[in-house]
């Protein structure tokens, strides 16, 4: 029988679709793509790329904490940017959250369903029991 748990932290933004904010499967935690949603209002918090990256990564960290993990447990991130020219500014904020931990990462420029959103980030963490 699979050891799979769906994680719905009460202090995180509500999913905007039929998905779990995170799923723990064995020793791995898969965090769904997070955007710049203010968890207090459950509304988008638009701003410059640094603001949106900060809000987005705070949401990722909140979900990881609810799963018993932290930034140091993250092994892979995917970063999606509306504008590839925002890479450097996003990277400055990303560094604030991960420091020297430096998980593997892919960053791509994409078109979002919400044309005002500038960034979305998902990740995989490994937390041995």
Protein backbone atom coordinates (compact mmCIF):
# COMPACT_ATOMS: atom_id res chain seq x y z
CA UNK A 1 0.00 0.00 0.00
CA UNK A 2 1.38 3.40 -0.99
CA UNK A 3 2.30 5.89 1.73
CA UNK A 4 0.68 8.96 0.15
CA UNK A 5 -0.72 11.95 2.05
CA UNK A 6 -2.31 15.06 0.60
CA UNK A 7 -1.40 18.26 2.43
CA UNK A 8 -3.77 21.22 2.80
CA UNK A 9 -2.13 23.72 5.19
CA UNK A 10 -4.75 25.98 6.81
CA UNK A 11 -2.51 29.08 6.54
CA UNK A 12 -1.83 28.71 2.81
CA UNK A 13 -3.75 29.94 -0.21
CA UNK A 14 -6.64 27.69 -1.22
CA UNK A 15 -6.04 25.77 -4.45
CA UNK A 16 -7.63 27.40 -7.48
CA UNK A 17 -8.45 24.04 -9.04
CA UNK A 18 -8.80 20.33 -8.36
CA UNK A 19 -5.33 19.72 -6.92
CA UNK A 20 -3.57 19.44 -3.56
CA UNK A 21 -1.11 22.15 -2.47
CA UNK A 22 1.32 19.31 -1.73
CA UNK A 23 1.47 15.54 -1.73
CA UNK A 24 3.84 13.55 0.46
CA UNK A 25 4.73 10.23 -1.13
CA UNK A 26 7.10 8.20 1.00
CA UNK A 27 10.09 10.41 1.77
CA UNK A 28 9.30 12.92 -0.98
CA UNK A 29 7.11 16.04 -0.83
CA UNK A 30 5.76 17.43 -4.08
CA UNK A 31 4.63 21.05 -3.79
CA UNK A 32 2.23 22.18 -6.51
CA UNK A 33 2.95 25.35 -8.44
CA UNK A 34 2.46 28.38 -6.24
CA UNK A 35 1.90 31.93 -7.34
CA UNK A 36 1.77 35.33 -5.65
CA UNK A 37 -1.42 34.70 -3.68
CA UNK A 38 -1.83 36.48 -0.35
CA UNK A 39 -2.87 33.69 2.07
CA UNK A 40 -4.76 36.16 4.30
CA UNK A 41 -7.10 37.28 1.51
CA UNK A 42 -6.70 34.39 -0.96
CA UNK A 43 -6.31 37.07 -3.67
CA UNK A 44 -3.46 37.60 -6.10
CA UNK A 45 -0.81 40.02 -4.82
CA UNK A 46 0.50 41.55 -8.03
CA UNK A 47 3.62 43.69 -8.06
CA UNK A 48 7.08 43.71 -9.54
CA UNK A 49 8.87 40.38 -10.06
CA UNK A 50 10.69 40.63 -6.72
CA UNK A 51 7.45 41.18 -4.79
CA UNK A 52 5.70 38.32 -6.58
CA UNK A 53 8.68 35.98 -6.14
CA UNK A 54 8.82 36.79 -2.41
CA UNK A 55 5.08 36.10 -1.94
CA UNK A 56 5.30 32.93 -4.04
CA UNK A 57 8.29 31.50 -2.18
CA UNK A 58 6.73 32.37 1.18
CA UNK A 59 3.75 30.24 0.09
CA UNK A 60 6.07 27.39 -0.92
CA UNK A 61 7.88 27.58 2.45
CA UNK A 62 4.57 27.62 4.36
CA UNK A 63 3.48 24.43 2.59
CA UNK A 64 6.86 22.77 3.16
CA UNK A 65 6.67 23.62 6.88
CA UNK A 66 3.22 22.03 7.10
CA UNK A 67 4.75 18.88 5.61
CA UNK A 68 7.61 18.93 8.15
CA UNK A 69 10.22 20.20 5.69
CA UNK A 70 12.17 23.38 4.96
CA UNK A 71 14.16 25.03 2.18
CA UNK A 72 17.17 22.85 3.02
CA UNK A 73 15.12 19.74 2.13
CA UNK A 74 14.28 20.97 -1.39
CA UNK A 75 16.04 18.98 -4.10
CA UNK A 76 14.41 20.47 -7.22
CA UNK A 77 12.55 23.66 -8.15
CA UNK A 78 10.84 24.70 -11.33
CA UNK A 79 10.47 28.43 -11.85
CA UNK A 80 8.09 29.76 -14.48
CA UNK A 81 8.45 33.41 -15.53
CA UNK A 82 6.08 35.44 -17.67
CA UNK A 83 9.08 37.43 -18.91
CA UNK A 84 12.52 35.87 -19.22
CA UNK A 85 14.02 39.34 -18.70
CA UNK A 86 12.91 39.07 -15.05
CA UNK A 87 15.40 36.25 -14.41
CA UNK A 88 18.06 38.29 -12.58
CA UNK A 89 15.60 40.11 -10.31
CA UNK A 90 13.78 36.85 -9.51
CA UNK A 91 17.12 35.18 -8.80
CA UNK A 92 18.01 37.81 -6.16
CA UNK A 93 14.89 36.95 -4.14
CA UNK A 94 15.27 33.22 -4.78
CA UNK A 95 18.77 33.43 -3.25
CA UNK A 96 17.26 35.00 -0.08
CA UNK A 97 15.14 31.88 0.46
CA UNK A 98 17.65 29.18 -0.52
CA UNK A 99 21.06 30.74 0.22
CA UNK A 100 23.77 28.14 -0.20
CA UNK A 101 21.32 25.19 -0.21
CA UNK A 102 20.90 25.55 -3.98
CA UNK A 103 18.48 22.85 -5.13
CA UNK A 104 18.53 21.75 -8.75
CA UNK A 105 16.42 24.14 -10.79
CA UNK A 106 14.83 24.73 -14.17
CA UNK A 107 13.65 28.22 -15.15
CA UNK A 108 11.53 28.83 -18.23
CA UNK A 109 9.50 31.69 -19.70
CA UNK A 110 5.83 30.83 -20.19
CA UNK A 111 2.39 32.28 -20.83
CA UNK A 112 0.12 32.06 -17.78
CA UNK A 113 -3.66 31.65 -17.77
CA UNK A 114 -3.63 34.79 -15.56
CA UNK A 115 -1.90 37.32 -17.84
CA UNK A 116 -0.99 39.61 -14.90
CA UNK A 117 0.92 36.95 -12.94
CA UNK A 118 4.69 37.13 -13.29
CA UNK A 119 5.95 33.95 -11.56
CA UNK A 120 4.98 30.44 -10.46
CA UNK A 121 7.22 28.03 -8.56
CA UNK A 122 6.88 24.35 -7.69
CA UNK A 123 9.33 22.07 -5.94
CA UNK A 124 10.20 18.60 -4.73
CA UNK A 125 11.65 18.06 -1.26
CA UNK A 126 13.21 14.94 0.25
CA UNK A 127 12.63 14.37 3.94
CA UNK A 128 13.63 10.92 5.20
CA UNK A 129 11.55 9.74 8.12
